[in-house]
């Protein structure tokens, strides 16, 4: 029941944010509304989780809260706000503490001809392998080890994109990334 209540509380904060930015997602939410929604998000996380501070101290969470709240000094789109809110929720490394993502952002990007990373991963003990290949390149086969992307080690990419994923452990984060890595890579790179 606590997990369910926590998700509902986070979802309620997201609904409030969504109500401020109805439409194409390009409309901007004013800083006052962003701060109010962000405050409600943190209150919801605190009241909805028995062990919110199991993986991160309250002091660390409070310091990040202050930093993010202070950064909410200019209007943001719904999607930009989602990125900040989700990264904050994921900071605690609690799998069920997340903000519902605005699914229209990535879908809209793809509808406008945007391309994404064409490979789904298989991650074993922190090592990335090709799980499924949709690139059209026949030289890439399932099971091939992926060492780096654009000269950056895969371990670094996994760490970077994992900050957007609510997960208690790297194992859980990696299991979530196996079918969502292209989307989270897009989130990380814009």
C-alpha atoms as a PDB file:
ATOM      1  CA  UNK A   1       0.000   0.000   0.000  1.00  0.00           C
ATOM      2  CA  UNK A   2       2.828   2.413   0.761  1.00  0.00           C
ATOM      3  CA  UNK A   3       4.341   1.947  -2.702  1.00  0.00           C
ATOM      4  CA  UNK A   4       0.956   2.571  -4.290  1.00  0.00           C
ATOM      5  CA  UNK A   5       0.368   5.693  -2.192  1.00  0.00           C
ATOM      6  CA  UNK A   6       3.823   7.029  -3.062  1.00  0.00           C
ATOM      7  CA  UNK A   7       3.248   6.582  -6.768  1.00  0.00           C
ATOM      8  CA  UNK A   8      -0.133   8.294  -6.510  1.00  0.00           C
ATOM      9  CA  UNK A   9       1.401  11.221  -4.653  1.00  0.00           C
ATOM     10  CA  UNK A  10       4.109  11.649  -7.280  1.00  0.00           C
ATOM     11  CA  UNK A  11       1.499  11.258 -10.006  1.00  0.00           C
ATOM     12  CA  UNK A  12      -0.648  13.937  -8.354  1.00  0.00           C
ATOM     13  CA  UNK A  13       2.290  16.354  -8.430  1.00  0.00           C
ATOM     14  CA  UNK A  14       2.812  15.525 -12.092  1.00  0.00           C
ATOM     15  CA  UNK A  15      -0.866  16.078 -12.870  1.00  0.00           C
ATOM     16  CA  UNK A  16      -0.628  19.512 -11.330  1.00  0.00           C
ATOM     17  CA  UNK A  17       2.409  20.272 -13.460  1.00  0.00           C
ATOM     18  CA  UNK A  18       0.673  18.888 -16.527  1.00  0.00           C
ATOM     19  CA  UNK A  19      -2.325  21.118 -15.924  1.00  0.00           C
ATOM     20  CA  UNK A  20      -0.008  24.123 -16.146  1.00  0.00           C
ATOM     21  CA  UNK A  21       1.284  23.083 -19.559  1.00  0.00           C
ATOM     22  CA  UNK A  22      -1.590  21.622 -21.526  1.00  0.00           C
ATOM     23  CA  UNK A  23      -1.145  21.342 -25.239  1.00  0.00           C
ATOM     24  CA  UNK A  24       1.871  20.677 -27.392  1.00  0.00           C
ATOM     25  CA  UNK A  25       4.319  20.556 -24.488  1.00  0.00           C
ATOM     26  CA  UNK A  26       6.013  23.680 -25.819  1.00  0.00           C
ATOM     27  CA  UNK A  27       4.141  26.000 -23.503  1.00  0.00           C
ATOM     28  CA  UNK A  28       6.192  27.194 -20.568  1.00  0.00           C
ATOM     29  CA  UNK A  29       5.383  26.749 -16.894  1.00  0.00           C
ATOM     30  CA  UNK A  30       6.196  29.763 -14.745  1.00  0.00           C
ATOM     31  CA  UNK A  31       8.802  29.451 -11.965  1.00  0.00           C
ATOM     32  CA  UNK A  32       6.267  29.930  -9.158  1.00  0.00           C
ATOM     33  CA  UNK A  33       4.198  26.954 -10.356  1.00  0.00           C
ATOM     34  CA  UNK A  34       7.336  24.885 -10.922  1.00  0.00           C
ATOM     35  CA  UNK A  35       8.552  25.520  -7.371  1.00  0.00           C
ATOM     36  CA  UNK A  36       5.116  24.748  -5.957  1.00  0.00           C
ATOM     37  CA  UNK A  37       4.890  21.466  -7.880  1.00  0.00           C
ATOM     38  CA  UNK A  38       8.475  20.598  -6.940  1.00  0.00           C
ATOM     39  CA  UNK A  39       7.703  21.218  -3.264  1.00  0.00           C
ATOM     40  CA  UNK A  40       4.648  18.940  -3.514  1.00  0.00           C
ATOM     41  CA  UNK A  41       6.776  16.285  -5.224  1.00  0.00           C
ATOM     42  CA  UNK A  42       9.297  16.229  -2.367  1.00  0.00           C
ATOM     43  CA  UNK A  43       6.542  16.263   0.252  1.00  0.00           C
ATOM     44  CA  UNK A  44       4.905  13.337  -1.561  1.00  0.00           C
ATOM     45  CA  UNK A  45       8.144  11.394  -1.720  1.00  0.00           C
ATOM     46  CA  UNK A  46       8.725  11.948   1.997  1.00  0.00           C
ATOM     47  CA  UNK A  47       5.202  11.045   3.088  1.00  0.00           C
ATOM     48  CA  UNK A  48       4.800   8.133   0.694  1.00  0.00           C
ATOM     49  CA  UNK A  49       7.992   6.220   1.445  1.00  0.00           C
ATOM     50  CA  UNK A  50       8.891   4.409   4.623  1.00  0.00           C
ATOM     51  CA  UNK A  51      12.555   4.302   3.609  1.00  0.00           C
ATOM     52  CA  UNK A  52      13.110   7.236   1.249  1.00  0.00           C
ATOM     53  CA  UNK A  53      16.494   7.850   2.877  1.00  0.00           C
ATOM     54  CA  UNK A  54      17.659   4.224   2.828  1.00  0.00           C
ATOM     55  CA  UNK A  55      20.131   4.812  -0.006  1.00  0.00           C
ATOM     56  CA  UNK A  56      20.740   8.562   0.302  1.00  0.00           C
ATOM     57  CA  UNK A  57      20.816  10.627   3.481  1.00  0.00           C
ATOM     58  CA  UNK A  58      18.131  13.176   4.252  1.00  0.00           C
ATOM     59  CA  UNK A  59      20.859  15.815   4.329  1.00  0.00           C
ATOM     60  CA  UNK A  60      21.966  14.905   0.790  1.00  0.00           C
ATOM     61  CA  UNK A  61      18.371  14.844  -0.437  1.00  0.00           C
ATOM     62  CA  UNK A  62      17.623  18.203   1.233  1.00  0.00           C
ATOM     63  CA  UNK A  63      20.759  19.747  -0.298  1.00  0.00           C
ATOM     64  CA  UNK A  64      19.742  18.544  -3.760  1.00  0.00           C
ATOM     65  CA  UNK A  65      16.189  19.790  -3.146  1.00  0.00           C
ATOM     66  CA  UNK A  66      17.505  23.279  -2.352  1.00  0.00           C
ATOM     67  CA  UNK A  67      19.768  23.246  -5.411  1.00  0.00           C
ATOM     68  CA  UNK A  68      17.025  22.145  -7.809  1.00  0.00           C
ATOM     69  CA  UNK A  69      14.408  24.454  -6.272  1.00  0.00           C
ATOM     70  CA  UNK A  70      16.778  27.421  -6.588  1.00  0.00           C
ATOM     71  CA  UNK A  71      17.404  26.504 -10.237  1.00  0.00           C
ATOM     72  CA  UNK A  72      13.682  26.770 -11.006  1.00  0.00           C
ATOM     73  CA  UNK A  73      13.990  30.493 -11.661  1.00  0.00           C
ATOM     74  CA  UNK A  74      12.933  30.557 -15.310  1.00  0.00           C
ATOM     75  CA  UNK A  75       9.942  29.140 -17.181  1.00  0.00           C
ATOM     76  CA  UNK A  76      10.364  25.549 -18.408  1.00  0.00           C
ATOM     77  CA  UNK A  77       8.418  23.355 -20.780  1.00  0.00           C
ATOM     78  CA  UNK A  78       6.570  20.390 -19.317  1.00  0.00           C
ATOM     79  CA  UNK A  79       9.290  18.105 -20.639  1.00  0.00           C
ATOM     80  CA  UNK A  80      12.143  20.185 -19.211  1.00  0.00           C
ATOM     81  CA  UNK A  81      10.385  20.155 -15.847  1.00  0.00           C
ATOM     82  CA  UNK A  82       9.915  16.386 -16.089  1.00  0.00           C
ATOM     83  CA  UNK A  83      13.675  15.934 -16.559  1.00  0.00           C
ATOM     84  CA  UNK A  84      14.487  17.932 -13.439  1.00  0.00           C
ATOM     85  CA  UNK A  85      11.734  16.305 -11.366  1.00  0.00           C
ATOM     86  CA  UNK A  86      12.570  12.748 -12.461  1.00  0.00           C
ATOM     87  CA  UNK A  87      16.281  13.167 -11.852  1.00  0.00           C
ATOM     88  CA  UNK A  88      15.427  14.405  -8.351  1.00  0.00           C
ATOM     89  CA  UNK A  89      13.061  11.478  -7.704  1.00  0.00           C
ATOM     90  CA  UNK A  90      15.649   8.998  -9.028  1.00  0.00           C
ATOM     91  CA  UNK A  91      18.371  10.441  -6.775  1.00  0.00           C
ATOM     92  CA  UNK A  92      17.146   8.358  -3.827  1.00  0.00           C
ATOM     93  CA  UNK A  93      17.626   5.115  -5.764  1.00  0.00           C
ATOM     94  CA  UNK A  94      14.134   3.917  -4.823  1.00  0.00           C
ATOM     95  CA  UNK A  95      12.604   2.013  -7.730  1.00  0.00           C
ATOM     96  CA  UNK A  96       9.012   3.071  -7.185  1.00  0.00           C
ATOM     97  CA  UNK A  97       9.811   6.775  -6.683  1.00  0.00           C
ATOM     98  CA  UNK A  98       9.354   8.220 -10.125  1.00  0.00           C
ATOM     99  CA  UNK A  99       7.510  10.873 -12.039  1.00  0.00           C
ATOM    100  CA  UNK A 100       5.301   9.768 -14.896  1.00  0.00           C
ATOM    101  CA  UNK A 101       7.059  10.801 -18.066  1.00  0.00           C
ATOM    102  CA  UNK A 102       5.428  12.885 -20.754  1.00  0.00           C
ATOM    103  CA  UNK A 103       5.287  10.183 -23.421  1.00  0.00           C
ATOM    104  CA  UNK A 104       4.438  12.677 -26.120  1.00  0.00           C
ATOM    105  CA  UNK A 105       7.948  14.211 -26.116  1.00  0.00           C
ATOM    106  CA  UNK A 106       9.852  11.197 -27.457  1.00  0.00           C
ATOM    107  CA  UNK A 107       6.968  10.147 -29.715  1.00  0.00           C
ATOM    108  CA  UNK A 108       6.774  13.654 -31.129  1.00  0.00           C
ATOM    109  CA  UNK A 109      10.505  13.653 -31.734  1.00  0.00           C
ATOM    110  CA  UNK A 110      10.206  10.401 -33.689  1.00  0.00           C
ATOM    111  CA  UNK A 111       7.140  11.607 -35.645  1.00  0.00           C
ATOM    112  CA  UNK A 112       9.142  14.650 -36.752  1.00  0.00           C
ATOM    113  CA  UNK A 113      11.744  12.292 -38.236  1.00  0.00           C
ATOM    114  CA  UNK A 114      14.010  12.124 -35.207  1.00  0.00           C
ATOM    115  CA  UNK A 115      16.173   9.054 -34.994  1.00  0.00           C
ATOM    116  CA  UNK A 116      17.217   7.134 -31.918  1.00  0.00           C
ATOM    117  CA  UNK A 117      19.850   4.589 -31.057  1.00  0.00           C
ATOM    118  CA  UNK A 118      18.772   1.464 -32.999  1.00  0.00           C
ATOM    119  CA  UNK A 119      20.053  -1.163 -30.574  1.00  0.00           C
ATOM    120  CA  UNK A 120      18.432  -2.582 -27.479  1.00  0.00           C
ATOM    121  CA  UNK A 121      20.923  -3.679 -24.884  1.00  0.00           C
ATOM    122  CA  UNK A 122      21.496  -6.769 -22.830  1.00  0.00           C
ATOM    123  CA  UNK A 123      23.417  -5.761 -19.708  1.00  0.00           C
ATOM    124  CA  UNK A 124      25.151  -8.463 -17.663  1.00  0.00           C
ATOM    125  CA  UNK A 125      27.216  -7.520 -14.611  1.00  0.00           C
ATOM    126  CA  UNK A 126      27.533  -3.959 -15.903  1.00  0.00           C
ATOM    127  CA  UNK A 127      28.746  -5.051 -19.351  1.00  0.00           C
ATOM    128  CA  UNK A 128      26.673  -4.058 -22.383  1.00  0.00           C
ATOM    129  CA  UNK A 129      25.886  -6.423 -25.224  1.00  0.00           C
ATOM    130  CA  UNK A 130      23.704  -6.144 -28.300  1.00  0.00           C
ATOM    131  CA  UNK A 131      20.285  -7.521 -27.377  1.00  0.00           C
ATOM    132  CA  UNK A 132      18.355  -6.546 -30.500  1.00  0.00           C
ATOM    133  CA  UNK A 133      19.708  -4.767 -33.551  1.00  0.00           C
ATOM    134  CA  UNK A 134      17.441  -2.546 -35.655  1.00  0.00           C
ATOM    135  CA  UNK A 135      20.255  -0.626 -37.333  1.00  0.00           C
ATOM    136  CA  UNK A 136      20.230  -2.581 -40.566  1.00  0.00           C
ATOM    137  CA  UNK A 137      23.959  -3.223 -40.161  1.00  0.00           C
ATOM    138  CA  UNK A 138      24.419  -6.976 -40.517  1.00  0.00           C
ATOM    139  CA  UNK A 139      27.916  -6.802 -39.010  1.00  0.00           C
ATOM    140  CA  UNK A 140      26.296  -6.146 -35.631  1.00  0.00           C
ATOM    141  CA  UNK A 141      24.898  -9.300 -34.085  1.00  0.00           C
ATOM    142  CA  UNK A 142      23.035 -10.102 -30.866  1.00  0.00           C
ATOM    143  CA  UNK A 143      25.588 -10.946 -28.218  1.00  0.00           C
ATOM    144  CA  UNK A 144      28.260  -8.565 -29.513  1.00  0.00           C
ATOM    145  CA  UNK A 145      29.906  -6.647 -26.688  1.00  0.00           C
ATOM    146  CA  UNK A 146      29.485  -2.869 -26.831  1.00  0.00           C
ATOM    147  CA  UNK A 147      32.624  -1.250 -25.482  1.00  0.00           C
ATOM    148  CA  UNK A 148      31.947   2.424 -26.269  1.00  0.00           C
ATOM    149  CA  UNK A 149      29.589   4.817 -28.044  1.00  0.00           C
ATOM    150  CA  UNK A 150      31.117   7.820 -29.785  1.00  0.00           C
ATOM    151  CA  UNK A 151      34.389   7.153 -27.967  1.00  0.00           C
ATOM    152  CA  UNK A 152      32.764   7.137 -24.526  1.00  0.00           C
ATOM    153  CA  UNK A 153      32.933   3.924 -22.501  1.00  0.00           C
ATOM    154  CA  UNK A 154      29.588   2.138 -22.133  1.00  0.00           C
ATOM    155  CA  UNK A 155      30.064   2.081 -18.368  1.00  0.00           C
ATOM    156  CA  UNK A 156      30.065   5.891 -18.478  1.00  0.00           C
ATOM    157  CA  UNK A 157      26.933   5.952 -20.643  1.00  0.00           C
ATOM    158  CA  UNK A 158      25.159   3.557 -18.271  1.00  0.00           C
ATOM    159  CA  UNK A 159      26.045   5.782 -15.335  1.00  0.00           C
ATOM    160  CA  UNK A 160      24.904   8.923 -17.148  1.00  0.00           C
ATOM    161  CA  UNK A 161      21.551   7.595 -18.293  1.00  0.00           C
ATOM    162  CA  UNK A 162      20.915   5.784 -14.997  1.00  0.00           C
ATOM    163  CA  UNK A 163      20.535   9.105 -13.205  1.00  0.00           C
ATOM    164  CA  UNK A 164      17.151   9.391 -14.941  1.00  0.00           C
ATOM    165  CA  UNK A 165      16.060   5.912 -13.799  1.00  0.00           C
ATOM    166  CA  UNK A 166      14.480   5.233 -10.427  1.00  0.00           C
ATOM    167  CA  UNK A 167      16.146   2.040  -9.252  1.00  0.00           C
ATOM    168  CA  UNK A 168      17.405   0.684  -5.932  1.00  0.00           C
ATOM    169  CA  UNK A 169      20.464  -1.000  -7.413  1.00  0.00           C
ATOM    170  CA  UNK A 170      22.533  -0.893 -10.597  1.00  0.00           C
ATOM    171  CA  UNK A 171      21.113  -4.336 -11.447  1.00  0.00           C
ATOM    172  CA  UNK A 172      17.549  -2.959 -11.425  1.00  0.00           C
ATOM    173  CA  UNK A 173      18.597   0.158 -13.351  1.00  0.00           C
ATOM    174  CA  UNK A 174      20.311  -1.979 -15.964  1.00  0.00           C
ATOM    175  CA  UNK A 175      17.322  -4.276 -16.318  1.00  0.00           C
ATOM    176  CA  UNK A 176      15.128  -1.213 -16.952  1.00  0.00           C
ATOM    177  CA  UNK A 177      17.637   0.170 -19.444  1.00  0.00           C
ATOM    178  CA  UNK A 178      17.721  -3.005 -21.513  1.00  0.00           C
ATOM    179  CA  UNK A 179      14.565  -2.003 -23.381  1.00  0.00           C
ATOM    180  CA  UNK A 180      14.644   1.735 -22.711  1.00  0.00           C
ATOM    181  CA  UNK A 181      18.256   2.663 -23.399  1.00  0.00           C
ATOM    182  CA  UNK A 182      17.474   4.382 -26.748  1.00  0.00           C
ATOM    183  CA  UNK A 183      14.882   6.582 -25.046  1.00  0.00           C
ATOM    184  CA  UNK A 184      17.097   7.388 -22.041  1.00  0.00           C
ATOM    185  CA  UNK A 185      20.042   8.100 -24.326  1.00  0.00           C
ATOM    186  CA  UNK A 186      17.819  10.572 -26.155  1.00  0.00           C
ATOM    187  CA  UNK A 187      16.807  12.085 -22.791  1.00  0.00           C
ATOM    188  CA  UNK A 188      20.461  12.451 -21.819  1.00  0.00           C
ATOM    189  CA  UNK A 189      21.582  13.949 -25.126  1.00  0.00           C
ATOM    190  CA  UNK A 190      18.444  15.891 -26.030  1.00  0.00           C
END
